[in-house]
PDB file of N, CA and C in Angstrom:
ATOM      1  N   MET A   1       4.736  41.144  40.902  1.00  0.00           N
ATOM      2  CA  MET A   1       4.185  39.819  40.922  1.00  0.00           C
ATOM      3  C   MET A   1       5.048  38.845  41.697  1.00  0.00           C
ATOM      4  N   SER A   2       6.252  39.179  41.966  1.00  0.00           N
ATOM      5  CA  SER A   2       7.132  38.244  42.641  1.00  0.00           C
ATOM      6  C   SER A   2       6.720  37.982  44.082  1.00  0.00           C
ATOM      7  N   PHE A   3       5.794  38.735  44.624  1.00  0.00           N
ATOM      8  CA  PHE A   3       5.383  38.485  46.007  1.00  0.00           C
ATOM      9  C   PHE A   3       4.445  37.290  46.111  1.00  0.00           C
ATOM     10  N   PHE A   4       3.864  36.790  44.971  1.00  0.00           N
ATOM     11  CA  PHE A   4       3.033  35.592  44.995  1.00  0.00           C
ATOM     12  C   PHE A   4       3.855  34.316  44.851  1.00  0.00           C
ATOM     13  N   ILE A   5       5.032  34.424  44.286  1.00  0.00           N
ATOM     14  CA  ILE A   5       5.871  33.250  44.038  1.00  0.00           C
ATOM     15  C   ILE A   5       7.049  33.302  44.987  1.00  0.00           C
ATOM     16  N   SER A   6       7.193  32.240  45.759  1.00  0.00           N
ATOM     17  CA  SER A   6       8.320  32.197  46.683  1.00  0.00           C
ATOM     18  C   SER A   6       9.583  31.801  45.930  1.00  0.00           C
ATOM     19  N   SER A   7      10.663  32.288  46.405  1.00  0.00           N
ATOM     20  CA  SER A   7      11.939  31.975  45.766  1.00  0.00           C
ATOM     21  C   SER A   7      12.335  30.542  46.088  1.00  0.00           C
ATOM     22  N   ALA A   8      12.822  29.818  45.085  1.00  0.00           N
ATOM     23  CA  ALA A   8      13.265  28.438  45.270  1.00  0.00           C
ATOM     24  C   ALA A   8      14.768  28.447  45.414  1.00  0.00           C
ATOM     25  N   PHE A   9      15.215  27.799  46.433  1.00  0.00           N
ATOM     26  CA  PHE A   9      16.650  27.712  46.669  1.00  0.00           C
ATOM     27  C   PHE A   9      17.129  26.325  46.268  1.00  0.00           C
ATOM     28  N   ALA A  10      18.253  26.288  45.651  1.00  0.00           N
ATOM     29  CA  ALA A  10      18.816  25.025  45.185  1.00  0.00           C
ATOM     30  C   ALA A  10      19.168  24.150  46.364  1.00  0.00           C
ATOM     31  N   GLU A  11      18.777  22.892  46.264  1.00  0.00           N
ATOM     32  CA  GLU A  11      19.114  21.937  47.307  1.00  0.00           C
ATOM     33  C   GLU A  11      20.282  21.090  46.829  1.00  0.00           C
ATOM     34  N   ALA A  12      20.851  20.389  47.744  1.00  0.00           N
ATOM     35  CA  ALA A  12      21.954  19.500  47.387  1.00  0.00           C
ATOM     36  C   ALA A  12      21.412  18.377  46.501  1.00  0.00           C
ATOM     37  N   VAL A  13      22.042  18.161  45.380  1.00  0.00           N
ATOM     38  CA  VAL A  13      21.624  17.130  44.429  1.00  0.00           C
ATOM     39  C   VAL A  13      22.259  15.812  44.844  1.00  0.00           C
ATOM     40  N   PRO A  14      21.430  14.736  44.928  1.00  0.00           N
ATOM     41  CA  PRO A  14      22.016  13.439  45.300  1.00  0.00           C
ATOM     42  C   PRO A  14      22.959  12.960  44.196  1.00  0.00           C
ATOM     43  N   PRO A  15      23.918  12.128  44.532  1.00  0.00           N
ATOM     44  CA  PRO A  15      24.860  11.643  43.517  1.00  0.00           C
ATOM     45  C   PRO A  15      24.117  10.852  42.440  1.00  0.00           C
ATOM     46  N   VAL A  16      24.576  11.000  41.228  1.00  0.00           N
ATOM     47  CA  VAL A  16      23.956  10.302  40.092  1.00  0.00           C
ATOM     48  C   VAL A  16      24.311   8.824  40.183  1.00  0.00           C
ATOM     49  N   MET A  17      23.249   7.995  40.059  1.00  0.00           N
ATOM     50  CA  MET A  17      23.490   6.547  40.122  1.00  0.00           C
ATOM     51  C   MET A  17      24.008   6.070  38.776  1.00  0.00           C
ATOM     52  N   GLU A  18      24.898   5.134  38.811  1.00  0.00           N
ATOM     53  CA  GLU A  18      25.389   4.529  37.580  1.00  0.00           C
ATOM     54  C   GLU A  18      24.337   3.562  37.049  1.00  0.00           C
ATOM     55  N   GLY A  19      24.486   3.130  35.822  1.00  0.00           N
ATOM     56  CA  GLY A  19      23.539   2.197  35.218  1.00  0.00           C
ATOM     57  C   GLY A  19      23.553   0.868  35.943  1.00  0.00           C
ATOM     58  N   PRO A  20      22.603  -0.005  35.578  1.00  0.00           N
ATOM     59  CA  PRO A  20      22.561  -1.320  36.221  1.00  0.00           C
ATOM     60  C   PRO A  20      23.835  -2.117  35.950  1.00  0.00           C
ATOM     61  N   ASN A  21      24.073  -3.036  36.816  1.00  0.00           N
ATOM     62  CA  ASN A  21      25.257  -3.885  36.718  1.00  0.00           C
ATOM     63  C   ASN A  21      25.208  -4.674  35.395  1.00  0.00           C
ATOM     64  N   PRO A  22      26.243  -4.625  34.569  1.00  0.00           N
ATOM     65  CA  PRO A  22      26.239  -5.362  33.291  1.00  0.00           C
ATOM     66  C   PRO A  22      26.068  -6.867  33.481  1.00  0.00           C
ATOM     67  N   LEU A  23      26.581  -7.412  34.562  1.00  0.00           N
ATOM     68  CA  LEU A  23      26.422  -8.842  34.826  1.00  0.00           C
ATOM     69  C   LEU A  23      24.943  -9.180  35.019  1.00  0.00           C
ATOM     70  N   PHE A  24      24.227  -8.302  35.703  1.00  0.00           N
ATOM     71  CA  PHE A  24      22.797  -8.509  35.912  1.00  0.00           C
ATOM     72  C   PHE A  24      22.061  -8.510  34.578  1.00  0.00           C
ATOM     73  N   GLN A  25      22.423  -7.627  33.675  1.00  0.00           N
ATOM     74  CA  GLN A  25      21.780  -7.565  32.364  1.00  0.00           C
ATOM     75  C   GLN A  25      22.025  -8.843  31.560  1.00  0.00           C
ATOM     76  N   VAL A  26      23.240  -9.348  31.607  1.00  0.00           N
ATOM     77  CA  VAL A  26      23.563 -10.586  30.888  1.00  0.00           C
ATOM     78  C   VAL A  26      22.783 -11.758  31.484  1.00  0.00           C
ATOM     79  N   LEU A  27      22.731 -11.834  32.806  1.00  0.00           N
ATOM     80  CA  LEU A  27      21.987 -12.921  33.451  1.00  0.00           C
ATOM     81  C   LEU A  27      20.496 -12.831  33.134  1.00  0.00           C
ATOM     82  N   LEU A  28      19.967 -11.634  33.074  1.00  0.00           N
ATOM     83  CA  LEU A  28      18.560 -11.452  32.732  1.00  0.00           C
ATOM     84  C   LEU A  28      18.283 -11.919  31.303  1.00  0.00           C
ATOM     85  N   LEU A  29      19.154 -11.576  30.384  1.00  0.00           N
ATOM     86  CA  LEU A  29      19.009 -12.010  28.989  1.00  0.00           C
ATOM     87  C   LEU A  29      19.094 -13.535  28.878  1.00  0.00           C
ATOM     88  N   VAL A  30      20.039 -14.129  29.549  1.00  0.00           N
ATOM     89  CA  VAL A  30      20.185 -15.591  29.537  1.00  0.00           C
ATOM     90  C   VAL A  30      18.940 -16.239  30.142  1.00  0.00           C
ATOM     91  N   GLY A  31      18.410 -15.664  31.208  1.00  0.00           N
ATOM     92  CA  GLY A  31      17.187 -16.182  31.828  1.00  0.00           C
ATOM     93  C   GLY A  31      16.011 -16.151  30.876  1.00  0.00           C
ATOM     94  N   PHE A  32      15.855 -15.050  30.146  1.00  0.00           N
ATOM     95  CA  PHE A  32      14.772 -14.960  29.166  1.00  0.00           C
ATOM     96  C   PHE A  32      14.940 -15.991  28.057  1.00  0.00           C
ATOM     97  N   LEU A  33      16.160 -16.203  27.606  1.00  0.00           N
ATOM     98  CA  LEU A  33      16.395 -17.198  26.556  1.00  0.00           C
ATOM     99  C   LEU A  33      16.060 -18.610  27.040  1.00  0.00           C
ATOM    100  N   ILE A  34      16.407 -18.913  28.272  1.00  0.00           N
ATOM    101  CA  ILE A  34      16.099 -20.235  28.832  1.00  0.00           C
ATOM    102  C   ILE A  34      14.586 -20.420  28.946  1.00  0.00           C
ATOM    103  N   ILE A  35      13.895 -19.402  29.414  1.00  0.00           N
ATOM    104  CA  ILE A  35      12.434 -19.483  29.529  1.00  0.00           C
ATOM    105  C   ILE A  35      11.804 -19.637  28.150  1.00  0.00           C
ATOM    106  N   PHE A  36      12.264 -18.865  27.161  1.00  0.00           N
ATOM    107  CA  PHE A  36      11.737 -18.956  25.798  1.00  0.00           C
ATOM    108  C   PHE A  36      11.952 -20.358  25.238  1.00  0.00           C
ATOM    109  N   TYR A  37      13.142 -20.900  25.414  1.00  0.00           N
ATOM    110  CA  TYR A  37      13.440 -22.242  24.912  1.00  0.00           C
ATOM    111  C   TYR A  37      12.529 -23.275  25.577  1.00  0.00           C
ATOM    112  N   THR A  38      12.364 -23.172  26.897  1.00  0.00           N
ATOM    113  CA  THR A  38      11.585 -24.155  27.643  1.00  0.00           C
ATOM    114  C   THR A  38      10.099 -24.091  27.299  1.00  0.00           C
ATOM    115  N   LEU A  39       9.563 -22.895  27.137  1.00  0.00           N
ATOM    116  CA  LEU A  39       8.127 -22.764  26.928  1.00  0.00           C
ATOM    117  C   LEU A  39       7.698 -22.797  25.462  1.00  0.00           C
ATOM    118  N   VAL A  40       8.591 -22.459  24.539  1.00  0.00           N
ATOM    119  CA  VAL A  40       8.172 -22.354  23.142  1.00  0.00           C
ATOM    120  C   VAL A  40       8.895 -23.356  22.246  1.00  0.00           C
ATOM    121  N   MET A  41      10.193 -23.292  22.204  1.00  0.00           N
ATOM    122  CA  MET A  41      10.939 -24.076  21.214  1.00  0.00           C
ATOM    123  C   MET A  41      10.924 -25.572  21.495  1.00  0.00           C
ATOM    124  N   ARG A  42      11.131 -25.963  22.717  1.00  0.00           N
ATOM    125  CA  ARG A  42      11.220 -27.385  23.044  1.00  0.00           C
ATOM    126  C   ARG A  42       9.909 -28.135  22.761  1.00  0.00           C
ATOM    127  N   PRO A  43       8.748 -27.622  23.221  1.00  0.00           N
ATOM    128  CA  PRO A  43       7.504 -28.332  22.893  1.00  0.00           C
ATOM    129  C   PRO A  43       7.228 -28.391  21.390  1.00  0.00           C
ATOM    130  N   GLN A  44       7.583 -27.323  20.662  1.00  0.00           N
ATOM    131  CA  GLN A  44       7.362 -27.321  19.215  1.00  0.00           C
ATOM    132  C   GLN A  44       8.231 -28.374  18.532  1.00  0.00           C
ATOM    133  N   ARG A  45       9.456 -28.514  18.976  1.00  0.00           N
ATOM    134  CA  ARG A  45      10.335 -29.546  18.401  1.00  0.00           C
ATOM    135  C   ARG A  45       9.801 -30.943  18.686  1.00  0.00           C
ATOM    136  N   LYS A  46       9.235 -31.159  19.883  1.00  0.00           N
ATOM    137  CA  LYS A  46       8.659 -32.466  20.206  1.00  0.00           C
ATOM    138  C   LYS A  46       7.483 -32.777  19.289  1.00  0.00           C
ATOM    139  N   ARG A  47       6.608 -31.776  19.060  1.00  0.00           N
ATOM    140  CA  ARG A  47       5.469 -31.986  18.165  1.00  0.00           C
ATOM    141  C   ARG A  47       5.937 -32.277  16.745  1.00  0.00           C
ATOM    142  N   ASP A  48       6.940 -31.544  16.283  1.00  0.00           N
ATOM    143  CA  ASP A  48       7.472 -31.767  14.933  1.00  0.00           C
ATOM    144  C   ASP A  48       8.051 -33.171  14.788  1.00  0.00           C
ATOM    145  N   LYS A  49       8.772 -33.620  15.810  1.00  0.00           N
ATOM    146  CA  LYS A  49       9.375 -34.957  15.770  1.00  0.00           C
ATOM    147  C   LYS A  49       8.288 -36.035  15.773  1.00  0.00           C
ATOM    148  N   ALA A  50       7.244 -35.859  16.586  1.00  0.00           N
ATOM    149  CA  ALA A  50       6.158 -36.830  16.623  1.00  0.00           C
ATOM    150  C   ALA A  50       5.430 -36.886  15.283  1.00  0.00           C
ATOM    151  N   LYS A  51       5.205 -35.733  14.650  1.00  0.00           N
ATOM    152  CA  LYS A  51       4.548 -35.682  13.344  1.00  0.00           C
ATOM    153  C   LYS A  51       5.419 -36.367  12.284  1.00  0.00           C
ATOM    154  N   ARG A  52       6.726 -36.091  12.309  1.00  0.00           N
ATOM    155  CA  ARG A  52       7.654 -36.708  11.356  1.00  0.00           C
ATOM    156  C   ARG A  52       7.667 -38.224  11.527  1.00  0.00           C
ATOM    157  N   ASP A  53       7.701 -38.691  12.773  1.00  0.00           N
ATOM    158  CA  ASP A  53       7.695 -40.134  13.034  1.00  0.00           C
ATOM    159  C   ASP A  53       6.400 -40.777  12.540  1.00  0.00           C
ATOM    160  N   LEU A  54       5.268 -40.083  12.720  1.00  0.00           N
ATOM    161  CA  LEU A  54       3.981 -40.601  12.256  1.00  0.00           C
ATOM    162  C   LEU A  54       3.982 -40.750  10.741  1.00  0.00           C
ATOM    163  N   ILE A  55       4.447 -39.719  10.044  1.00  0.00           N
ATOM    164  CA  ILE A  55       4.439 -39.740   8.583  1.00  0.00           C
ATOM    165  C   ILE A  55       5.348 -40.844   8.042  1.00  0.00           C
ATOM    166  N   VAL A  56       6.499 -41.028   8.661  1.00  0.00           N
ATOM    167  CA  VAL A  56       7.440 -42.056   8.205  1.00  0.00           C
ATOM    168  C   VAL A  56       6.896 -43.462   8.476  1.00  0.00           C
ATOM    169  N   SER A  57       6.158 -43.642   9.562  1.00  0.00           N
ATOM    170  CA  SER A  57       5.716 -44.975   9.955  1.00  0.00           C
ATOM    171  C   SER A  57       4.388 -45.406   9.319  1.00  0.00           C
ATOM    172  N   LEU A  58       3.821 -44.599   8.433  1.00  0.00           N
ATOM    173  CA  LEU A  58       2.557 -44.983   7.800  1.00  0.00           C
ATOM    174  C   LEU A  58       2.737 -46.239   6.959  1.00  0.00           C
ATOM    175  N   GLN A  59       1.773 -47.153   7.097  1.00  0.00           N
ATOM    176  CA  GLN A  59       1.815 -48.371   6.301  1.00  0.00           C
ATOM    177  C   GLN A  59       0.405 -48.846   5.978  1.00  0.00           C
ATOM    178  N   LYS A  60       0.318 -49.753   5.058  1.00  0.00           N
ATOM    179  CA  LYS A  60      -0.962 -50.269   4.604  1.00  0.00           C
ATOM    180  C   LYS A  60      -1.724 -50.885   5.775  1.00  0.00           C
ATOM    181  N   GLY A  61      -3.018 -50.539   5.879  1.00  0.00           N
ATOM    182  CA  GLY A  61      -3.861 -51.089   6.936  1.00  0.00           C
ATOM    183  C   GLY A  61      -4.033 -50.160   8.120  1.00  0.00           C
ATOM    184  N   ASP A  62      -3.215 -49.108   8.236  1.00  0.00           N
ATOM    185  CA  ASP A  62      -3.355 -48.150   9.339  1.00  0.00           C
ATOM    186  C   ASP A  62      -4.630 -47.335   9.162  1.00  0.00           C
ATOM    187  N   GLU A  63      -5.285 -47.048  10.267  1.00  0.00           N
ATOM    188  CA  GLU A  63      -6.450 -46.177  10.244  1.00  0.00           C
ATOM    189  C   GLU A  63      -5.987 -44.784  10.648  1.00  0.00           C
ATOM    190  N   VAL A  64      -6.320 -43.783   9.820  1.00  0.00           N
ATOM    191  CA  VAL A  64      -5.785 -42.442  10.003  1.00  0.00           C
ATOM    192  C   VAL A  64      -6.877 -41.384   9.878  1.00  0.00           C
ATOM    193  N   VAL A  65      -6.525 -40.170  10.309  1.00  0.00           N
ATOM    194  CA  VAL A  65      -7.371 -38.995  10.132  1.00  0.00           C
ATOM    195  C   VAL A  65      -6.537 -37.957   9.403  1.00  0.00           C
ATOM    196  N   THR A  66      -7.153 -37.324   8.396  1.00  0.00           N
ATOM    197  CA  THR A  66      -6.452 -36.294   7.637  1.00  0.00           C
ATOM    198  C   THR A  66      -6.682 -34.927   8.273  1.00  0.00           C
ATOM    199  N   SER A  67      -5.963 -33.926   7.761  1.00  0.00           N
ATOM    200  CA  SER A  67      -6.118 -32.575   8.288  1.00  0.00           C
ATOM    201  C   SER A  67      -7.503 -32.006   7.984  1.00  0.00           C
ATOM    202  N   GLY A  68      -8.202 -32.555   7.019  1.00  0.00           N
ATOM    203  CA  GLY A  68      -9.559 -32.133   6.703  1.00  0.00           C
ATOM    204  C   GLY A  68     -10.607 -32.853   7.537  1.00  0.00           C
ATOM    205  N   GLY A  69     -10.187 -33.783   8.380  1.00  0.00           N
ATOM    206  CA  GLY A  69     -11.113 -34.504   9.248  1.00  0.00           C
ATOM    207  C   GLY A  69     -11.646 -35.791   8.656  1.00  0.00           C
ATOM    208  N   ILE A  70     -11.096 -36.226   7.541  1.00  0.00           N
ATOM    209  CA  ILE A  70     -11.550 -37.458   6.897  1.00  0.00           C
ATOM    210  C   ILE A  70     -10.832 -38.650   7.523  1.00  0.00           C
ATOM    211  N   ALA A  71     -11.620 -39.603   7.980  1.00  0.00           N
ATOM    212  CA  ALA A  71     -11.057 -40.807   8.591  1.00  0.00           C
ATOM    213  C   ALA A  71     -11.167 -41.959   7.599  1.00  0.00           C
ATOM    214  N   GLY A  72     -10.138 -42.800   7.580  1.00  0.00           N
ATOM    215  CA  GLY A  72     -10.153 -43.940   6.682  1.00  0.00           C
ATOM    216  C   GLY A  72      -8.988 -44.873   6.930  1.00  0.00           C
ATOM    217  N   ARG A  73      -8.932 -45.917   6.097  1.00  0.00           N
ATOM    218  CA  ARG A  73      -7.881 -46.932   6.211  1.00  0.00           C
ATOM    219  C   ARG A  73      -6.949 -46.806   5.010  1.00  0.00           C
ATOM    220  N   ILE A  74      -5.661 -46.855   5.264  1.00  0.00           N
ATOM    221  CA  ILE A  74      -4.674 -46.742   4.188  1.00  0.00           C
ATOM    222  C   ILE A  74      -4.642 -48.045   3.394  1.00  0.00           C
ATOM    223  N   THR A  75      -4.768 -47.909   2.052  1.00  0.00           N
ATOM    224  CA  THR A  75      -4.712 -49.081   1.190  1.00  0.00           C
ATOM    225  C   THR A  75      -3.439 -49.136   0.364  1.00  0.00           C
ATOM    226  N   LYS A  76      -2.787 -47.979   0.187  1.00  0.00           N
ATOM    227  CA  LYS A  76      -1.566 -47.953  -0.603  1.00  0.00           C
ATOM    228  C   LYS A  76      -0.692 -46.802  -0.111  1.00  0.00           C
ATOM    229  N   VAL A  77       0.611 -47.063  -0.008  1.00  0.00           N
ATOM    230  CA  VAL A  77       1.568 -46.044   0.432  1.00  0.00           C
ATOM    231  C   VAL A  77       2.628 -45.898  -0.633  1.00  0.00           C
ATOM    232  N   THR A  78       2.845 -44.654  -1.083  1.00  0.00           N
ATOM    233  CA  THR A  78       3.922 -44.368  -2.020  1.00  0.00           C
ATOM    234  C   THR A  78       4.865 -43.357  -1.375  1.00  0.00           C
ATOM    235  N   GLU A  79       5.821 -42.868  -2.155  1.00  0.00           N
ATOM    236  CA  GLU A  79       6.839 -41.958  -1.631  1.00  0.00           C
ATOM    237  C   GLU A  79       6.238 -40.708  -0.984  1.00  0.00           C
ATOM    238  N   GLY A  80       5.350 -40.026  -1.684  1.00  0.00           N
ATOM    239  CA  GLY A  80       4.819 -38.764  -1.166  1.00  0.00           C
ATOM    240  C   GLY A  80       3.330 -38.784  -0.883  1.00  0.00           C
ATOM    241  N   PHE A  81       2.650 -39.884  -1.266  1.00  0.00           N
ATOM    242  CA  PHE A  81       1.199 -39.938  -1.141  1.00  0.00           C
ATOM    243  C   PHE A  81       0.746 -41.227  -0.474  1.00  0.00           C
ATOM    244  N   VAL A  82      -0.466 -41.191   0.058  1.00  0.00           N
ATOM    245  CA  VAL A  82      -1.125 -42.392   0.571  1.00  0.00           C
ATOM    246  C   VAL A  82      -2.523 -42.429  -0.027  1.00  0.00           C
ATOM    247  N   VAL A  83      -3.015 -43.624  -0.269  1.00  0.00           N
ATOM    248  CA  VAL A  83      -4.381 -43.801  -0.742  1.00  0.00           C
ATOM    249  C   VAL A  83      -5.184 -44.295   0.452  1.00  0.00           C
ATOM    250  N   VAL A  84      -6.252 -43.540   0.762  1.00  0.00           N
ATOM    251  CA  VAL A  84      -7.064 -43.835   1.942  1.00  0.00           C
ATOM    252  C   VAL A  84      -8.452 -44.270   1.491  1.00  0.00           C
ATOM    253  N   GLU A  85      -8.883 -45.426   1.983  1.00  0.00           N
ATOM    254  CA  GLU A  85     -10.226 -45.918   1.697  1.00  0.00           C
ATOM    255  C   GLU A  85     -11.157 -45.341   2.753  1.00  0.00           C
ATOM    256  N   VAL A  86     -12.111 -44.502   2.315  1.00  0.00           N
ATOM    257  CA  VAL A  86     -13.013 -43.841   3.262  1.00  0.00           C
ATOM    258  C   VAL A  86     -14.335 -44.580   3.396  1.00  0.00           C
ATOM    259  N   SER A  87     -14.713 -45.346   2.384  1.00  0.00           N
ATOM    260  CA  SER A  87     -15.885 -46.216   2.464  1.00  0.00           C
ATOM    261  C   SER A  87     -15.684 -47.332   1.435  1.00  0.00           C
ATOM    262  N   ASP A  88     -16.656 -48.228   1.324  1.00  0.00           N
ATOM    263  CA  ASP A  88     -16.514 -49.328   0.364  1.00  0.00           C
ATOM    264  C   ASP A  88     -16.338 -48.770  -1.043  1.00  0.00           C
ATOM    265  N   LYS A  89     -15.276 -49.167  -1.693  1.00  0.00           N
ATOM    266  CA  LYS A  89     -14.953 -48.790  -3.070  1.00  0.00           C
ATOM    267  C   LYS A  89     -14.755 -47.289  -3.279  1.00  0.00           C
ATOM    268  N   MET A  90     -14.508 -46.546  -2.226  1.00  0.00           N
ATOM    269  CA  MET A  90     -14.230 -45.104  -2.354  1.00  0.00           C
ATOM    270  C   MET A  90     -12.842 -44.846  -1.774  1.00  0.00           C
ATOM    271  N   GLU A  91     -11.912 -44.520  -2.672  1.00  0.00           N
ATOM    272  CA  GLU A  91     -10.538 -44.264  -2.250  1.00  0.00           C
ATOM    273  C   GLU A  91     -10.145 -42.843  -2.629  1.00  0.00           C
ATOM    274  N   LEU A  92      -9.433 -42.190  -1.729  1.00  0.00           N
ATOM    275  CA  LEU A  92      -8.948 -40.832  -1.953  1.00  0.00           C
ATOM    276  C   LEU A  92      -7.435 -40.814  -1.783  1.00  0.00           C
ATOM    277  N   LYS A  93      -6.767 -39.989  -2.587  1.00  0.00           N
ATOM    278  CA  LYS A  93      -5.320 -39.884  -2.508  1.00  0.00           C
ATOM    279  C   LYS A  93      -4.960 -38.608  -1.748  1.00  0.00           C
ATOM    280  N   PHE A  94      -4.092 -38.733  -0.738  1.00  0.00           N
ATOM    281  CA  PHE A  94      -3.659 -37.609   0.084  1.00  0.00           C
ATOM    282  C   PHE A  94      -2.141 -37.548   0.127  1.00  0.00           C
ATOM    283  N   GLN A  95      -1.625 -36.359   0.313  1.00  0.00           N
ATOM    284  CA  GLN A  95      -0.201 -36.237   0.591  1.00  0.00           C
ATOM    285  C   GLN A  95       0.057 -36.787   1.995  1.00  0.00           C
ATOM    286  N   ARG A  96       1.225 -37.319   2.193  1.00  0.00           N
ATOM    287  CA  ARG A  96       1.563 -37.878   3.508  1.00  0.00           C
ATOM    288  C   ARG A  96       1.488 -36.823   4.611  1.00  0.00           C
ATOM    289  N   ALA A  97       1.873 -35.591   4.292  1.00  0.00           N
ATOM    290  CA  ALA A  97       1.889 -34.527   5.294  1.00  0.00           C
ATOM    291  C   ALA A  97       0.489 -34.150   5.776  1.00  0.00           C
ATOM    292  N   SER A  98      -0.558 -34.512   5.021  1.00  0.00           N
ATOM    293  CA  SER A  98      -1.910 -34.162   5.444  1.00  0.00           C
ATOM    294  C   SER A  98      -2.479 -35.134   6.474  1.00  0.00           C
ATOM    295  N   ILE A  99      -1.773 -36.195   6.762  1.00  0.00           N
ATOM    296  CA  ILE A  99      -2.199 -37.135   7.804  1.00  0.00           C
ATOM    297  C   ILE A  99      -1.797 -36.538   9.158  1.00  0.00           C
ATOM    298  N   ILE A 100      -2.782 -36.350  10.046  1.00  0.00           N
ATOM    299  CA  ILE A 100      -2.462 -35.714  11.332  1.00  0.00           C
ATOM    300  C   ILE A 100      -2.523 -36.674  12.513  1.00  0.00           C
ATOM    301  N   ALA A 101      -3.202 -37.814  12.347  1.00  0.00           N
ATOM    302  CA  ALA A 101      -3.289 -38.742  13.476  1.00  0.00           C
ATOM    303  C   ALA A 101      -3.490 -40.165  12.976  1.00  0.00           C
ATOM    304  N   SER A 102      -3.000 -41.090  13.768  1.00  0.00           N
ATOM    305  CA  SER A 102      -3.210 -42.504  13.516  1.00  0.00           C
ATOM    306  C   SER A 102      -4.185 -43.008  14.578  1.00  0.00           C
ATOM    307  N   LEU A 103      -5.191 -43.735  14.149  1.00  0.00           N
ATOM    308  CA  LEU A 103      -6.218 -44.227  15.061  1.00  0.00           C
ATOM    309  C   LEU A 103      -5.943 -45.673  15.445  1.00  0.00           C
ATOM    310  N   PRO A 104      -6.438 -46.105  16.604  1.00  0.00           N
ATOM    311  CA  PRO A 104      -6.305 -47.518  16.979  1.00  0.00           C
ATOM    312  C   PRO A 104      -7.106 -48.393  16.013  1.00  0.00           C
ATOM    313  N   LYS A 105      -6.652 -49.627  15.822  1.00  0.00           N
ATOM    314  CA  LYS A 105      -7.333 -50.546  14.926  1.00  0.00           C
ATOM    315  C   LYS A 105      -8.788 -50.751  15.383  1.00  0.00           C
ATOM    316  N   GLY A 106      -9.704 -50.763  14.416  1.00  0.00           N
ATOM    317  CA  GLY A 106     -11.117 -50.998  14.710  1.00  0.00           C
ATOM    318  C   GLY A 106     -11.914 -49.724  14.985  1.00  0.00           C
ATOM    319  N   THR A 107     -11.270 -48.585  14.979  1.00  0.00           N
ATOM    320  CA  THR A 107     -11.971 -47.326  15.249  1.00  0.00           C
ATOM    321  C   THR A 107     -12.952 -46.991  14.133  1.00  0.00           C
ATOM    322  N   ILE A 108     -12.571 -47.237  12.898  1.00  0.00           N
ATOM    323  CA  ILE A 108     -13.426 -46.899  11.755  1.00  0.00           C
ATOM    324  C   ILE A 108     -14.721 -47.714  11.801  1.00  0.00           C
ATOM    325  N   LYS A 109     -14.654 -48.986  12.133  1.00  0.00           N
ATOM    326  CA  LYS A 109     -15.853 -49.828  12.210  1.00  0.00           C
ATOM    327  C   LYS A 109     -16.751 -49.399  13.365  1.00  0.00           C
ATOM    328  N   ALA A 110     -16.157 -48.905  14.443  1.00  0.00           N
ATOM    329  CA  ALA A 110     -16.929 -48.493  15.608  1.00  0.00           C
ATOM    330  C   ALA A 110     -17.705 -47.205  15.356  1.00  0.00           C
ATOM    331  N   ILE A 111     -17.287 -46.444  14.355  1.00  0.00           N
ATOM    332  CA  ILE A 111     -17.959 -45.162  14.085  1.00  0.00           C
ATOM    333  C   ILE A 111     -19.206 -45.392  13.356  1.00  0.00           C
TER     334      ILE A 111
END
């Protein structure tokens, strides 16, 4: 059967390449961290800061929207809660953290 298979002769093996440059690996890792920080962490921190500032600045008379989509005017502010008037003589109590946006004055009447 050996007449169907030709004999293979060993060829010169090229020199084995060493691994990638360690400096390149460190720079690549640093580059990924910078990209991750720029695209993910920084915008999230800005949103968190804006939300925190909104919650701290709530005061009586502000028109707000809750996370459930309820719009109303704040009638009372306490340490952890706000009372929101959603219609005449209808007031609801919400945690401060559930307020997601502050509306310009007069928005509730325009709706």
